[in-house]
Amino acid sequence: MDNQLDYYTDTGKLRDEFDKGLPVMSDYTAFRKGVYQDGALNLKSKRLIALACGLQSGCTRCVQGQTKDAINAGATKEEVLEAVSVAVVMGGTAVSAETWRVVKVLQELGKW
């Protein structure tokens, strides 16, 4: 089974190359960075929401990155699992089938 964090890092480099090739992507990057600033919701809450959304949409990089980023923002394993449970309740078996990635990232981070 592939290392999820290595996959995330490697594909991120390719995404960054794409962004360099299409200068308008800098606007999206600025938007994305702005969204993850503390506001009415703190960063940890936003990352947990993003994790659930990433699972719901079937985005591998989102699941990997948002799991890591939620932990880095102070989320506990239990908070991550509860956020994932919301995604599973909303998305059913299609979402449940990808929860292994969350477990693997948590294991790689030493949080499982």
Protein backbone atom coordinates (compact mmCIF):
# COMPACT_ATOMS: atom_id res chain seq x y z
CA MET A 1 0.00 0.00 0.00
CA ASP A 2 1.42 3.37 -1.00
CA ASN A 3 2.47 5.93 1.55
CA GLN A 4 -0.39 8.44 1.52
CA LEU A 5 1.72 11.42 2.61
CA ASP A 6 4.34 10.73 -0.08
CA TYR A 7 1.56 10.51 -2.67
CA TYR A 8 0.15 13.81 -1.43
CA THR A 9 3.54 15.53 -1.62
CA ASP A 10 4.40 14.14 -5.05
CA THR A 11 1.06 15.02 -6.63
CA GLY A 12 1.21 18.45 -5.00
CA LYS A 13 4.44 19.18 -6.86
CA LEU A 14 2.70 18.34 -10.13
CA ARG A 15 -0.27 20.52 -9.22
CA ASP A 16 2.15 23.36 -8.50
CA GLU A 17 3.69 22.87 -11.95
CA PHE A 18 0.23 23.09 -13.50
CA ASP A 19 -0.43 26.30 -11.55
CA LYS A 20 2.82 27.82 -12.89
CA GLY A 21 1.71 27.00 -16.43
CA LEU A 22 -1.60 28.77 -15.94
CA PRO A 23 -0.97 32.12 -14.21
CA VAL A 24 -4.66 32.73 -13.42
CA MET A 25 -4.36 29.92 -10.86
CA SER A 26 -2.57 32.39 -8.58
CA ASP A 27 -5.99 33.96 -7.94
CA TYR A 28 -7.36 30.58 -6.83
CA THR A 29 -4.31 29.99 -4.63
CA ALA A 30 -4.82 33.36 -2.93
CA PHE A 31 -8.52 32.57 -2.46
CA ARG A 32 -7.71 29.16 -0.98
CA LYS A 33 -5.20 30.64 1.46
CA GLY A 34 -7.72 33.31 2.48
CA VAL A 35 -10.45 30.76 3.17
CA TYR A 36 -8.24 28.96 5.68
CA GLN A 37 -7.68 32.03 7.84
CA ASP A 38 -9.40 32.16 11.20
CA GLY A 39 -12.74 33.93 11.01
CA ALA A 40 -16.14 32.99 12.40
CA LEU A 41 -14.76 29.44 12.19
CA ASN A 42 -11.26 28.58 13.36
CA LEU A 43 -8.72 26.78 11.18
CA LYS A 44 -9.26 23.41 12.87
CA SER A 45 -13.01 23.54 12.22
CA LYS A 46 -12.46 24.54 8.60
CA ARG A 47 -10.02 21.66 8.05
CA LEU A 48 -12.45 19.16 9.55
CA ILE A 49 -15.22 20.46 7.30
CA ALA A 50 -12.86 20.31 4.31
CA LEU A 51 -11.98 16.70 5.16
CA ALA A 52 -15.66 15.71 5.17
CA CYS A 53 -16.20 17.57 1.89
CA GLY A 54 -13.12 15.92 0.35
CA LEU A 55 -14.39 12.49 1.28
CA GLN A 56 -17.82 13.34 -0.08
CA SER A 57 -16.38 14.49 -3.40
CA GLY A 58 -14.01 11.52 -3.75
CA CYS A 59 -10.87 13.68 -3.87
CA THR A 60 -7.87 11.57 -2.85
CA ARG A 61 -5.52 14.54 -2.35
CA CYS A 62 -8.20 16.33 -0.34
CA VAL A 63 -8.60 13.39 2.02
CA GLN A 64 -4.85 13.04 2.48
CA GLY A 65 -4.10 16.73 2.83
CA GLN A 66 -7.08 17.71 4.94
CA THR A 67 -6.46 14.85 7.36
CA LYS A 68 -2.86 16.03 7.78
CA ASP A 69 -3.87 19.68 7.95
CA ALA A 70 -6.62 19.01 10.51
CA ILE A 71 -4.12 17.28 12.77
CA ASN A 72 -1.63 20.12 12.25
CA ALA A 73 -4.39 22.58 13.18
CA GLY A 74 -4.87 20.78 16.50
CA ALA A 75 -7.60 18.26 15.73
CA THR A 76 -7.51 15.04 17.69
CA LYS A 77 -7.94 11.58 16.21
CA GLU A 78 -11.42 11.52 17.74
CA GLU A 79 -12.39 14.84 16.10
CA VAL A 80 -11.12 13.60 12.74
CA LEU A 81 -13.11 10.39 13.07
CA GLU A 82 -16.28 12.29 13.99
CA ALA A 83 -15.89 14.58 10.97
CA VAL A 84 -15.40 11.51 8.81
CA SER A 85 -18.51 9.91 10.33
CA VAL A 86 -20.57 12.90 9.17
CA ALA A 87 -19.27 12.42 5.63
CA VAL A 88 -20.09 8.70 5.80
CA VAL A 89 -23.64 9.34 7.03
CA MET A 90 -24.16 11.80 4.16
CA GLY A 91 -22.40 9.78 1.46
CA GLY A 92 -22.90 6.15 2.44
CA THR A 93 -20.75 3.32 1.19
CA ALA A 94 -18.97 5.37 -1.49
CA VAL A 95 -17.52 7.56 1.26
CA SER A 96 -17.03 4.69 3.70
CA ALA A 97 -14.91 2.91 1.10
CA GLU A 98 -12.31 5.72 1.22
CA THR A 99 -12.05 6.08 4.99
CA TRP A 100 -9.02 3.77 4.95
CA ARG A 101 -7.01 6.71 3.60
CA VAL A 102 -7.78 8.69 6.75
CA VAL A 103 -6.64 5.78 8.92
CA LYS A 104 -3.45 5.38 6.86
CA VAL A 105 -2.59 9.10 7.08
CA LEU A 106 -3.23 9.07 10.82
CA GLN A 107 -0.96 6.02 11.12
CA GLU A 108 1.75 7.74 9.07
CA LEU A 109 1.49 10.78 11.36
CA GLY A 110 1.72 8.55 14.45
CA LYS A 111 -1.80 9.51 15.53
CA TRP A 112 -3.50 6.10 15.21
